[in-house]
């Protein structure tokens, strides 16, 4: 199979207390299942597929909502807040779902995550 992208190699992706089973479309935090709406799950999936990379507001809006919504930054703010609320230990001081001011967002996994 080779070296490939580690974010796509395993159907189960883990960071911090979060575990995402991409085949079953299940998300758990600290072992408990977390219900995500279809849009929240799509947003999470796009962030996971681009782990560590800054994604602009426009990129995320296009990937999650489609090209017609690429100016609706408030959608993105609301749904990022939902993901932080559901998946961060301290949503007020996120460690994983980071804002890149005036640019977009980035998913950061723990430093010991294999590169």
PDB file of N, CA and C in Angstrom:
ATOM      1  N   UNK A   1       0.826  -1.199   0.000  1.00  0.00           N
ATOM      2  CA  UNK A   1       0.000   0.000   0.000  1.00  0.00           C
ATOM      3  C   UNK A   1       0.865   1.254   0.000  1.00  0.00           C
ATOM      4  N   UNK A   2       2.049   1.215   0.598  1.00  0.00           N
ATOM      5  CA  UNK A   2       2.953   2.360   0.550  1.00  0.00           C
ATOM      6  C   UNK A   2       2.695   3.364   1.645  1.00  0.00           C
ATOM      7  N   UNK A   3       3.341   4.518   1.514  1.00  0.00           N
ATOM      8  CA  UNK A   3       3.322   5.511   2.583  1.00  0.00           C
ATOM      9  C   UNK A   3       2.059   6.352   2.608  1.00  0.00           C
ATOM     10  N   UNK A   4       1.391   6.613   1.510  1.00  0.00           N
ATOM     11  CA  UNK A   4       0.107   7.322   1.444  1.00  0.00           C
ATOM     12  C   UNK A   4      -0.098   8.407   2.482  1.00  0.00           C
ATOM     13  N   UNK A   5      -1.253   9.017   2.447  1.00  0.00           N
ATOM     14  CA  UNK A   5      -1.616  10.057   3.402  1.00  0.00           C
ATOM     15  C   UNK A   5      -2.185   9.399   4.642  1.00  0.00           C
ATOM     16  N   UNK A   6      -1.560   9.589   5.812  1.00  0.00           N
ATOM     17  CA  UNK A   6      -2.044   8.904   7.014  1.00  0.00           C
ATOM     18  C   UNK A   6      -3.485   9.268   7.366  1.00  0.00           C
ATOM     19  N   UNK A   7      -3.939  10.469   6.988  1.00  0.00           N
ATOM     20  CA  UNK A   7      -5.318  10.862   7.297  1.00  0.00           C
ATOM     21  C   UNK A   7      -6.316   9.986   6.544  1.00  0.00           C
ATOM     22  N   UNK A   8      -5.891   9.406   5.414  1.00  0.00           N
ATOM     23  CA  UNK A   8      -6.812   8.594   4.619  1.00  0.00           C
ATOM     24  C   UNK A   8      -6.536   7.100   4.706  1.00  0.00           C
ATOM     25  N   UNK A   9      -5.438   6.718   5.366  1.00  0.00           N
ATOM     26  CA  UNK A   9      -5.019   5.321   5.368  1.00  0.00           C
ATOM     27  C   UNK A   9      -5.951   4.432   6.189  1.00  0.00           C
ATOM     28  N   UNK A  10      -6.410   4.916   7.315  1.00  0.00           N
ATOM     29  CA  UNK A  10      -7.180   4.123   8.265  1.00  0.00           C
ATOM     30  C   UNK A  10      -8.609   4.658   8.286  1.00  0.00           C
ATOM     31  N   UNK A  11      -9.608   3.781   8.228  1.00  0.00           N
ATOM     32  CA  UNK A  11     -10.983   4.294   8.278  1.00  0.00           C
ATOM     33  C   UNK A  11     -11.315   4.966   9.607  1.00  0.00           C
ATOM     34  N   UNK A  12     -10.511   4.696  10.652  1.00  0.00           N
ATOM     35  CA  UNK A  12     -10.730   5.353  11.945  1.00  0.00           C
ATOM     36  C   UNK A  12      -9.636   6.402  12.139  1.00  0.00           C
ATOM     37  N   UNK A  13     -10.055   7.644  12.311  1.00  0.00           N
ATOM     38  CA  UNK A  13      -9.138   8.770  12.489  1.00  0.00           C
ATOM     39  C   UNK A  13      -9.300   9.268  13.918  1.00  0.00           C
ATOM     40  N   UNK A  14      -8.190   9.436  14.629  1.00  0.00           N
ATOM     41  CA  UNK A  14      -8.250   9.844  16.039  1.00  0.00           C
ATOM     42  C   UNK A  14      -7.424  11.100  16.282  1.00  0.00           C
ATOM     43  N   UNK A  15      -7.932  11.950  17.149  1.00  0.00           N
ATOM     44  CA  UNK A  15      -7.145  13.077  17.663  1.00  0.00           C
ATOM     45  C   UNK A  15      -7.742  13.472  19.002  1.00  0.00           C
ATOM     46  N   UNK A  16      -6.863  13.786  19.964  1.00  0.00           N
ATOM     47  CA  UNK A  16      -7.338  14.124  21.304  1.00  0.00           C
ATOM     48  C   UNK A  16      -8.277  13.043  21.820  1.00  0.00           C
ATOM     49  N   UNK A  17      -9.464  13.441  22.260  1.00  0.00           N
ATOM     50  CA  UNK A  17     -10.462  12.495  22.765  1.00  0.00           C
ATOM     51  C   UNK A  17     -11.418  12.035  21.667  1.00  0.00           C
ATOM     52  N   UNK A  18     -11.171  12.476  20.438  1.00  0.00           N
ATOM     53  CA  UNK A  18     -12.121  12.248  19.344  1.00  0.00           C
ATOM     54  C   UNK A  18     -11.691  11.072  18.476  1.00  0.00           C
ATOM     55  N   UNK A  19     -12.680  10.280  18.101  1.00  0.00           N
ATOM     56  CA  UNK A  19     -12.469   9.138  17.202  1.00  0.00           C
ATOM     57  C   UNK A  19     -13.554   9.208  16.128  1.00  0.00           C
ATOM     58  N   UNK A  20     -13.125   9.173  14.866  1.00  0.00           N
ATOM     59  CA  UNK A  20     -14.062   9.245  13.749  1.00  0.00           C
ATOM     60  C   UNK A  20     -13.946   7.953  12.958  1.00  0.00           C
ATOM     61  N   UNK A  21     -15.028   7.191  12.910  1.00  0.00           N
ATOM     62  CA  UNK A  21     -15.072   5.979  12.087  1.00  0.00           C
ATOM     63  C   UNK A  21     -15.737   6.368  10.776  1.00  0.00           C
ATOM     64  N   UNK A  22     -14.898   6.539   9.733  1.00  0.00           N
ATOM     65  CA  UNK A  22     -15.409   7.072   8.477  1.00  0.00           C
ATOM     66  C   UNK A  22     -16.244   6.073   7.697  1.00  0.00           C
ATOM     67  N   UNK A  23     -16.025   4.775   7.921  1.00  0.00           N
ATOM     68  CA  UNK A  23     -16.867   3.791   7.229  1.00  0.00           C
ATOM     69  C   UNK A  23     -18.260   3.775   7.828  1.00  0.00           C
ATOM     70  N   UNK A  24     -18.337   3.814   9.154  1.00  0.00           N
ATOM     71  CA  UNK A  24     -19.637   3.768   9.834  1.00  0.00           C
ATOM     72  C   UNK A  24     -20.243   5.167   9.994  1.00  0.00           C
ATOM     73  N   UNK A  25     -19.470   6.220   9.661  1.00  0.00           N
ATOM     74  CA  UNK A  25     -19.906   7.610   9.855  1.00  0.00           C
ATOM     75  C   UNK A  25     -20.274   7.868  11.315  1.00  0.00           C
ATOM     76  N   UNK A  26     -19.460   7.316  12.221  1.00  0.00           N
ATOM     77  CA  UNK A  26     -19.674   7.498  13.658  1.00  0.00           C
ATOM     78  C   UNK A  26     -18.582   8.390  14.221  1.00  0.00           C
ATOM     79  N   UNK A  27     -18.972   9.250  15.149  1.00  0.00           N
ATOM     80  CA  UNK A  27     -18.006  10.109  15.830  1.00  0.00           C
ATOM     81  C   UNK A  27     -18.182   9.891  17.325  1.00  0.00           C
ATOM     82  N   UNK A  28     -17.056   9.690  18.016  1.00  0.00           N
ATOM     83  CA  UNK A  28     -17.091   9.526  19.472  1.00  0.00           C
ATOM     84  C   UNK A  28     -16.136  10.519  20.107  1.00  0.00           C
ATOM     85  N   UNK A  29     -16.505  10.973  21.290  1.00  0.00           N
ATOM     86  CA  UNK A  29     -15.597  11.801  22.085  1.00  0.00           C
ATOM     87  C   UNK A  29     -15.515  11.168  23.455  1.00  0.00           C
ATOM     88  N   UNK A  30     -14.311  10.835  23.881  1.00  0.00           N
ATOM     89  CA  UNK A  30     -14.076  10.166  25.166  1.00  0.00           C
ATOM     90  C   UNK A  30     -14.941   8.912  25.268  1.00  0.00           C
ATOM     91  N   UNK A  31     -15.081   8.197  24.144  1.00  0.00           N
ATOM     92  CA  UNK A  31     -15.808   6.929  24.133  1.00  0.00           C
ATOM     93  C   UNK A  31     -17.307   7.038  23.946  1.00  0.00           C
ATOM     94  N   UNK A  32     -17.862   8.248  24.063  1.00  0.00           N
ATOM     95  CA  UNK A  32     -19.318   8.418  23.922  1.00  0.00           C
ATOM     96  C   UNK A  32     -19.644   8.902  22.516  1.00  0.00           C
ATOM     97  N   UNK A  33     -20.680   8.307  21.923  1.00  0.00           N
ATOM     98  CA  UNK A  33     -21.066   8.705  20.577  1.00  0.00           C
ATOM     99  C   UNK A  33     -21.571  10.145  20.573  1.00  0.00           C
ATOM    100  N   UNK A  34     -21.146  10.898  19.559  1.00  0.00           N
ATOM    101  CA  UNK A  34     -21.548  12.295  19.401  1.00  0.00           C
ATOM    102  C   UNK A  34     -22.409  12.383  18.152  1.00  0.00           C
ATOM    103  N   UNK A  35     -23.589  12.977  18.278  1.00  0.00           N
ATOM    104  CA  UNK A  35     -24.448  13.146  17.105  1.00  0.00           C
ATOM    105  C   UNK A  35     -24.042  14.413  16.362  1.00  0.00           C
ATOM    106  N   UNK A  36     -23.682  14.254  15.098  1.00  0.00           N
ATOM    107  CA  UNK A  36     -23.402  15.408  14.247  1.00  0.00           C
ATOM    108  C   UNK A  36     -24.466  15.471  13.161  1.00  0.00           C
ATOM    109  N   UNK A  37     -24.869  16.681  12.808  1.00  0.00           N
ATOM    110  CA  UNK A  37     -25.783  16.851  11.682  1.00  0.00           C
ATOM    111  C   UNK A  37     -25.007  16.529  10.403  1.00  0.00           C
ATOM    112  N   UNK A  38     -25.706  16.297   9.286  1.00  0.00           N
ATOM    113  CA  UNK A  38     -24.981  16.027   8.032  1.00  0.00           C
ATOM    114  C   UNK A  38     -23.985  17.131   7.665  1.00  0.00           C
ATOM    115  N   UNK A  39     -24.344  18.380   7.894  1.00  0.00           N
ATOM    116  CA  UNK A  39     -23.424  19.477   7.562  1.00  0.00           C
ATOM    117  C   UNK A  39     -22.226  19.481   8.503  1.00  0.00           C
ATOM    118  N   UNK A  40     -22.448  19.266   9.789  1.00  0.00           N
ATOM    119  CA  UNK A  40     -21.330  19.201  10.741  1.00  0.00           C
ATOM    120  C   UNK A  40     -20.377  18.073  10.355  1.00  0.00           C
ATOM    121  N   UNK A  41     -20.942  16.922   9.971  1.00  0.00           N
ATOM    122  CA  UNK A  41     -20.104  15.782   9.597  1.00  0.00           C
ATOM    123  C   UNK A  41     -19.307  16.098   8.329  1.00  0.00           C
ATOM    124  N   UNK A  42     -19.958  16.759   7.365  1.00  0.00           N
ATOM    125  CA  UNK A  42     -19.267  17.104   6.119  1.00  0.00           C
ATOM    126  C   UNK A  42     -18.129  18.087   6.402  1.00  0.00           C
ATOM    127  N   UNK A  43     -18.388  19.069   7.252  1.00  0.00           N
ATOM    128  CA  UNK A  43     -17.352  20.039   7.617  1.00  0.00           C
ATOM    129  C   UNK A  43     -16.186  19.333   8.314  1.00  0.00           C
ATOM    130  N   UNK A  44     -16.492  18.451   9.250  1.00  0.00           N
ATOM    131  CA  UNK A  44     -15.457  17.684   9.942  1.00  0.00           C
ATOM    132  C   UNK A  44     -14.654  16.849   8.945  1.00  0.00           C
ATOM    133  N   UNK A  45     -15.337  16.210   8.006  1.00  0.00           N
ATOM    134  CA  UNK A  45     -14.661  15.365   7.008  1.00  0.00           C
ATOM    135  C   UNK A  45     -13.691  16.165   6.150  1.00  0.00           C
ATOM    136  N   UNK A  46     -14.096  17.361   5.743  1.00  0.00           N
ATOM    137  CA  UNK A  46     -13.220  18.211   4.928  1.00  0.00           C
ATOM    138  C   UNK A  46     -11.992  18.619   5.743  1.00  0.00           C
ATOM    139  N   UNK A  47     -12.189  18.971   7.005  1.00  0.00           N
ATOM    140  CA  UNK A  47     -11.057  19.342   7.865  1.00  0.00           C
ATOM    141  C   UNK A  47     -10.110  18.160   8.067  1.00  0.00           C
ATOM    142  N   UNK A  48     -10.663  16.968   8.293  1.00  0.00           N
ATOM    143  CA  UNK A  48      -9.838  15.768   8.488  1.00  0.00           C
ATOM    144  C   UNK A  48      -9.041  15.459   7.219  1.00  0.00           C
ATOM    145  N   UNK A  49      -9.681  15.585   6.064  1.00  0.00           N
ATOM    146  CA  UNK A  49      -9.002  15.289   4.795  1.00  0.00           C
ATOM    147  C   UNK A  49      -7.846  16.254   4.545  1.00  0.00           C
ATOM    148  N   UNK A  50      -7.879  17.411   5.196  1.00  0.00           N
ATOM    149  CA  UNK A  50      -6.845  18.433   5.012  1.00  0.00           C
ATOM    150  C   UNK A  50      -6.143  18.760   6.327  1.00  0.00           C
ATOM    151  N   UNK A  51      -6.028  17.760   7.191  1.00  0.00           N
ATOM    152  CA  UNK A  51      -5.492  17.968   8.539  1.00  0.00           C
ATOM    153  C   UNK A  51      -4.166  18.732   8.501  1.00  0.00           C
ATOM    154  N   UNK A  52      -4.068  19.747   9.374  1.00  0.00           N
ATOM    155  CA  UNK A  52      -2.846  20.540   9.464  1.00  0.00           C
ATOM    156  C   UNK A  52      -2.783  21.695   8.489  1.00  0.00           C
ATOM    157  N   UNK A  53      -3.619  21.677   7.454  1.00  0.00           N
ATOM    158  CA  UNK A  53      -3.589  22.733   6.443  1.00  0.00           C
ATOM    159  C   UNK A  53      -4.649  23.784   6.741  1.00  0.00           C
ATOM    160  N   UNK A  54      -4.310  25.040   6.474  1.00  0.00           N
ATOM    161  CA  UNK A  54      -5.286  26.120   6.614  1.00  0.00           C
ATOM    162  C   UNK A  54      -6.211  26.063   5.408  1.00  0.00           C
ATOM    163  N   UNK A  55      -7.508  26.042   5.682  1.00  0.00           N
ATOM    164  CA  UNK A  55      -8.510  26.089   4.618  1.00  0.00           C
ATOM    165  C   UNK A  55      -9.206  27.441   4.691  1.00  0.00           C
ATOM    166  N   UNK A  56      -9.298  28.124   3.564  1.00  0.00           N
ATOM    167  CA  UNK A  56      -9.935  29.436   3.571  1.00  0.00           C
ATOM    168  C   UNK A  56     -11.439  29.284   3.763  1.00  0.00           C
ATOM    169  N   UNK A  57     -12.052  30.385   4.190  1.00  0.00           N
ATOM    170  CA  UNK A  57     -13.512  30.392   4.331  1.00  0.00           C
ATOM    171  C   UNK A  57     -14.152  29.937   3.023  1.00  0.00           C
ATOM    172  N   UNK A  58     -13.681  30.497   1.911  1.00  0.00           N
ATOM    173  CA  UNK A  58     -14.261  30.188   0.602  1.00  0.00           C
ATOM    174  C   UNK A  58     -14.132  28.694   0.276  1.00  0.00           C
ATOM    175  N   UNK A  59     -12.948  28.115   0.526  1.00  0.00           N
ATOM    176  CA  UNK A  59     -12.748  26.677   0.255  1.00  0.00           C
ATOM    177  C   UNK A  59     -13.733  25.835   1.060  1.00  0.00           C
ATOM    178  N   UNK A  60     -13.838  26.135   2.348  1.00  0.00           N
ATOM    179  CA  UNK A  60     -14.718  25.350   3.213  1.00  0.00           C
ATOM    180  C   UNK A  60     -16.178  25.504   2.806  1.00  0.00           C
ATOM    181  N   UNK A  61     -16.587  26.730   2.511  1.00  0.00           N
ATOM    182  CA  UNK A  61     -17.980  26.951   2.098  1.00  0.00           C
ATOM    183  C   UNK A  61     -18.291  26.196   0.812  1.00  0.00           C
ATOM    184  N   UNK A  62     -17.354  26.232  -0.132  1.00  0.00           N
ATOM    185  CA  UNK A  62     -17.569  25.544  -1.411  1.00  0.00           C
ATOM    186  C   UNK A  62     -17.649  24.031  -1.198  1.00  0.00           C
ATOM    187  N   UNK A  63     -16.731  23.487  -0.386  1.00  0.00           N
ATOM    188  CA  UNK A  63     -16.697  22.035  -0.149  1.00  0.00           C
ATOM    189  C   UNK A  63     -17.930  21.537   0.599  1.00  0.00           C
ATOM    190  N   UNK A  64     -18.402  22.324   1.569  1.00  0.00           N
ATOM    191  CA  UNK A  64     -19.471  21.859   2.454  1.00  0.00           C
ATOM    192  C   UNK A  64     -20.852  22.248   1.938  1.00  0.00           C
ATOM    193  N   UNK A  65     -20.996  23.498   1.483  1.00  0.00           N
ATOM    194  CA  UNK A  65     -22.328  23.972   1.081  1.00  0.00           C
ATOM    195  C   UNK A  65     -22.499  24.092  -0.425  1.00  0.00           C
ATOM    196  N   UNK A  66     -21.390  24.077  -1.179  1.00  0.00           N
ATOM    197  CA  UNK A  66     -21.487  24.228  -2.627  1.00  0.00           C
ATOM    198  C   UNK A  66     -21.134  25.646  -3.064  1.00  0.00           C
ATOM    199  N   UNK A  67     -20.856  25.812  -4.368  1.00  0.00           N
ATOM    200  CA  UNK A  67     -20.337  27.086  -4.886  1.00  0.00           C
ATOM    201  C   UNK A  67     -21.280  28.272  -4.683  1.00  0.00           C
ATOM    202  N   UNK A  68     -22.575  28.037  -4.608  1.00  0.00           N
ATOM    203  CA  UNK A  68     -23.529  29.148  -4.473  1.00  0.00           C
ATOM    204  C   UNK A  68     -23.414  29.843  -3.120  1.00  0.00           C
ATOM    205  N   UNK A  69     -22.818  29.178  -2.134  1.00  0.00           N
ATOM    206  CA  UNK A  69     -22.778  29.732  -0.772  1.00  0.00           C
ATOM    207  C   UNK A  69     -21.412  30.292  -0.394  1.00  0.00           C
ATOM    208  N   UNK A  70     -20.541  30.516  -1.362  1.00  0.00           N
ATOM    209  CA  UNK A  70     -19.151  30.835  -1.018  1.00  0.00           C
ATOM    210  C   UNK A  70     -18.963  32.186  -0.325  1.00  0.00           C
ATOM    211  N   UNK A  71     -20.021  32.973  -0.162  1.00  0.00           N
ATOM    212  CA  UNK A  71     -19.875  34.244   0.552  1.00  0.00           C
ATOM    213  C   UNK A  71     -20.522  34.209   1.937  1.00  0.00           C
ATOM    214  N   UNK A  72     -21.036  33.066   2.346  1.00  0.00           N
ATOM    215  CA  UNK A  72     -21.813  32.977   3.593  1.00  0.00           C
ATOM    216  C   UNK A  72     -20.930  32.614   4.791  1.00  0.00           C
ATOM    217  N   UNK A  73     -19.979  33.488   5.140  1.00  0.00           N
ATOM    218  CA  UNK A  73     -19.045  33.181   6.228  1.00  0.00           C
ATOM    219  C   UNK A  73     -19.733  32.910   7.556  1.00  0.00           C
ATOM    220  N   UNK A  74     -20.901  33.523   7.781  1.00  0.00           N
ATOM    221  CA  UNK A  74     -21.573  33.311   9.069  1.00  0.00           C
ATOM    222  C   UNK A  74     -22.006  31.860   9.238  1.00  0.00           C
ATOM    223  N   UNK A  75     -22.349  31.154   8.131  1.00  0.00           N
ATOM    224  CA  UNK A  75     -22.671  29.715   8.219  1.00  0.00           C
ATOM    225  C   UNK A  75     -21.501  28.978   8.851  1.00  0.00           C
ATOM    226  N   UNK A  76     -20.333  29.292   8.333  1.00  0.00           N
ATOM    227  CA  UNK A  76     -19.120  28.604   8.754  1.00  0.00           C
ATOM    228  C   UNK A  76     -18.835  28.851  10.235  1.00  0.00           C
ATOM    229  N   UNK A  77     -18.961  30.101  10.669  1.00  0.00           N
ATOM    230  CA  UNK A  77     -18.737  30.427  12.080  1.00  0.00           C
ATOM    231  C   UNK A  77     -19.668  29.629  12.983  1.00  0.00           C
ATOM    232  N   UNK A  78     -20.936  29.560  12.592  1.00  0.00           N
ATOM    233  CA  UNK A  78     -21.935  28.849  13.397  1.00  0.00           C
ATOM    234  C   UNK A  78     -21.583  27.364  13.491  1.00  0.00           C
ATOM    235  N   UNK A  79     -21.265  26.745  12.354  1.00  0.00           N
ATOM    236  CA  UNK A  79     -20.996  25.304  12.358  1.00  0.00           C
ATOM    237  C   UNK A  79     -19.656  24.961  12.996  1.00  0.00           C
ATOM    238  N   UNK A  80     -18.664  25.846  12.885  1.00  0.00           N
ATOM    239  CA  UNK A  80     -17.404  25.604  13.598  1.00  0.00           C
ATOM    240  C   UNK A  80     -17.651  25.674  15.103  1.00  0.00           C
ATOM    241  N   UNK A  81     -18.501  26.599  15.532  1.00  0.00           N
ATOM    242  CA  UNK A  81     -18.844  26.684  16.957  1.00  0.00           C
ATOM    243  C   UNK A  81     -19.528  25.395  17.411  1.00  0.00           C
ATOM    244  N   UNK A  82     -20.402  24.832  16.561  1.00  0.00           N
ATOM    245  CA  UNK A  82     -21.061  23.561  16.899  1.00  0.00           C
ATOM    246  C   UNK A  82     -20.026  22.450  17.070  1.00  0.00           C
ATOM    247  N   UNK A  83     -19.082  22.345  16.118  1.00  0.00           N
ATOM    248  CA  UNK A  83     -18.056  21.295  16.212  1.00  0.00           C
ATOM    249  C   UNK A  83     -17.218  21.475  17.478  1.00  0.00           C
ATOM    250  N   UNK A  84     -16.844  22.713  17.777  1.00  0.00           N
ATOM    251  CA  UNK A  84     -16.053  22.951  18.993  1.00  0.00           C
ATOM    252  C   UNK A  84     -16.842  22.549  20.231  1.00  0.00           C
ATOM    253  N   UNK A  85     -18.120  22.913  20.259  1.00  0.00           N
ATOM    254  CA  UNK A  85     -18.979  22.600  21.399  1.00  0.00           C
ATOM    255  C   UNK A  85     -19.051  21.087  21.612  1.00  0.00           C
ATOM    256  N   UNK A  86     -19.155  20.349  20.519  1.00  0.00           N
ATOM    257  CA  UNK A  86     -19.362  18.905  20.606  1.00  0.00           C
ATOM    258  C   UNK A  86     -18.063  18.116  20.768  1.00  0.00           C
ATOM    259  N   UNK A  87     -16.944  18.647  20.239  1.00  0.00           N
ATOM    260  CA  UNK A  87     -15.731  17.827  20.158  1.00  0.00           C
ATOM    261  C   UNK A  87     -14.528  18.357  20.936  1.00  0.00           C
ATOM    262  N   UNK A  88     -14.523  19.613  21.317  1.00  0.00           N
ATOM    263  CA  UNK A  88     -13.394  20.158  22.083  1.00  0.00           C
ATOM    264  C   UNK A  88     -13.640  19.965  23.575  1.00  0.00           C
ATOM    265  N   UNK A  89     -12.582  19.722  24.317  1.00  0.00           N
ATOM    266  CA  UNK A  89     -12.707  19.639  25.782  1.00  0.00           C
ATOM    267  C   UNK A  89     -13.114  21.004  26.338  1.00  0.00           C
ATOM    268  N   UNK A  90     -12.467  22.070  25.840  1.00  0.00           N
ATOM    269  CA  UNK A  90     -12.802  23.436  26.256  1.00  0.00           C
ATOM    270  C   UNK A  90     -13.082  24.256  24.993  1.00  0.00           C
ATOM    271  N   UNK A  91     -14.360  24.348  24.595  1.00  0.00           N
ATOM    272  CA  UNK A  91     -14.696  25.043  23.345  1.00  0.00           C
ATOM    273  C   UNK A  91     -14.239  26.502  23.305  1.00  0.00           C
ATOM    274  N   UNK A  92     -14.103  27.141  24.474  1.00  0.00           N
ATOM    275  CA  UNK A  92     -13.669  28.543  24.513  1.00  0.00           C
ATOM    276  C   UNK A  92     -12.183  28.685  24.182  1.00  0.00           C
ATOM    277  N   UNK A  93     -11.416  27.612  24.402  1.00  0.00           N
ATOM    278  CA  UNK A  93      -9.986  27.621  24.082  1.00  0.00           C
ATOM    279  C   UNK A  93      -9.663  26.369  23.274  1.00  0.00           C
ATOM    280  N   UNK A  94     -10.097  26.346  22.019  1.00  0.00           N
ATOM    281  CA  UNK A  94      -9.940  25.130  21.213  1.00  0.00           C
ATOM    282  C   UNK A  94      -8.481  24.761  20.967  1.00  0.00           C
ATOM    283  N   UNK A  95      -8.204  23.461  21.024  1.00  0.00           N
ATOM    284  CA  UNK A  95      -6.861  22.943  20.728  1.00  0.00           C
ATOM    285  C   UNK A  95      -6.793  22.349  19.332  1.00  0.00           C
ATOM    286  N   UNK A  96      -7.939  21.970  18.786  1.00  0.00           N
ATOM    287  CA  UNK A  96      -7.945  21.252  17.511  1.00  0.00           C
ATOM    288  C   UNK A  96      -8.563  22.050  16.366  1.00  0.00           C
ATOM    289  N   UNK A  97      -9.689  22.696  16.622  1.00  0.00           N
ATOM    290  CA  UNK A  97     -10.392  23.448  15.577  1.00  0.00           C
ATOM    291  C   UNK A  97      -9.996  24.912  15.702  1.00  0.00           C
ATOM    292  N   UNK A  98      -8.931  25.281  14.991  1.00  0.00           N
ATOM    293  CA  UNK A  98      -8.333  26.597  15.167  1.00  0.00           C
ATOM    294  C   UNK A  98      -8.777  27.571  14.091  1.00  0.00           C
ATOM    295  N   UNK A  99      -8.979  28.820  14.535  1.00  0.00           N
ATOM    296  CA  UNK A  99      -9.311  29.908  13.622  1.00  0.00           C
ATOM    297  C   UNK A  99      -8.019  30.537  13.140  1.00  0.00           C
ATOM    298  N   UNK A 100      -7.913  30.727  11.834  1.00  0.00           N
ATOM    299  CA  UNK A 100      -6.812  31.503  11.264  1.00  0.00           C
ATOM    300  C   UNK A 100      -7.451  32.838  10.897  1.00  0.00           C
ATOM    301  N   UNK A 101      -7.248  33.837  11.736  1.00  0.00           N
ATOM    302  CA  UNK A 101      -7.960  35.101  11.647  1.00  0.00           C
ATOM    303  C   UNK A 101      -7.947  35.681  10.238  1.00  0.00           C
ATOM    304  N   UNK A 102      -9.138  36.027   9.767  1.00  0.00           N
ATOM    305  CA  UNK A 102      -9.368  36.642   8.458  1.00  0.00           C
ATOM    306  C   UNK A 102      -9.019  35.721   7.286  1.00  0.00           C
ATOM    307  N   UNK A 103      -8.678  34.463   7.564  1.00  0.00           N
ATOM    308  CA  UNK A 103      -8.308  33.540   6.488  1.00  0.00           C
ATOM    309  C   UNK A 103      -9.255  32.352   6.444  1.00  0.00           C
ATOM    310  N   UNK A 104      -9.328  31.603   7.555  1.00  0.00           N
ATOM    311  CA  UNK A 104     -10.142  30.395   7.554  1.00  0.00           C
ATOM    312  C   UNK A 104      -9.940  29.590   8.824  1.00  0.00           C
ATOM    313  N   UNK A 105      -9.905  28.275   8.661  1.00  0.00           N
ATOM    314  CA  UNK A 105      -9.803  27.370   9.807  1.00  0.00           C
ATOM    315  C   UNK A 105      -8.826  26.252   9.500  1.00  0.00           C
ATOM    316  N   UNK A 106      -8.380  25.611  10.592  1.00  0.00           N
ATOM    317  CA  UNK A 106      -7.446  24.497  10.448  1.00  0.00           C
ATOM    318  C   UNK A 106      -7.731  23.489  11.548  1.00  0.00           C
ATOM    319  N   UNK A 107      -7.630  22.207  11.199  1.00  0.00           N
ATOM    320  CA  UNK A 107      -7.710  21.136  12.193  1.00  0.00           C
ATOM    321  C   UNK A 107      -6.287  20.771  12.575  1.00  0.00           C
ATOM    322  N   UNK A 108      -5.988  20.880  13.864  1.00  0.00           N
ATOM    323  CA  UNK A 108      -4.665  20.526  14.377  1.00  0.00           C
ATOM    324  C   UNK A 108      -4.839  19.335  15.301  1.00  0.00           C
ATOM    325  N   UNK A 109      -4.048  18.307  15.059  1.00  0.00           N
ATOM    326  CA  UNK A 109      -4.096  17.133  15.926  1.00  0.00           C
ATOM    327  C   UNK A 109      -2.921  17.200  16.885  1.00  0.00           C
ATOM    328  N   UNK A 110      -2.893  16.324  17.864  1.00  0.00           N
ATOM    329  CA  UNK A 110      -1.838  16.360  18.879  1.00  0.00           C
ATOM    330  C   UNK A 110      -0.459  16.256  18.248  1.00  0.00           C
ATOM    331  N   UNK A 111       0.515  16.834  18.942  1.00  0.00           N
ATOM    332  CA  UNK A 111       1.887  16.871  18.435  1.00  0.00           C
ATOM    333  C   UNK A 111       2.456  15.478  18.191  1.00  0.00           C
ATOM    334  N   UNK A 112       1.958  14.473  18.925  1.00  0.00           N
ATOM    335  CA  UNK A 112       2.512  13.124  18.755  1.00  0.00           C
ATOM    336  C   UNK A 112       1.843  12.372  17.604  1.00  0.00           C
ATOM    337  N   UNK A 113       0.942  13.054  16.874  1.00  0.00           N
ATOM    338  CA  UNK A 113       0.298  12.411  15.729  1.00  0.00           C
ATOM    339  C   UNK A 113       1.336  12.150  14.648  1.00  0.00           C
ATOM    340  N   UNK A 114       1.378  10.959  14.079  1.00  0.00           N
ATOM    341  CA  UNK A 114       2.404  10.668  13.060  1.00  0.00           C
ATOM    342  C   UNK A 114       2.223  11.510  11.811  1.00  0.00           C
ATOM    343  N   UNK A 115       3.286  12.079  11.329  1.00  0.00           N
ATOM    344  CA  UNK A 115       3.240  12.923  10.124  1.00  0.00           C
ATOM    345  C   UNK A 115       3.406  12.087   8.884  1.00  0.00           C
TER     346      UNK A 115
END
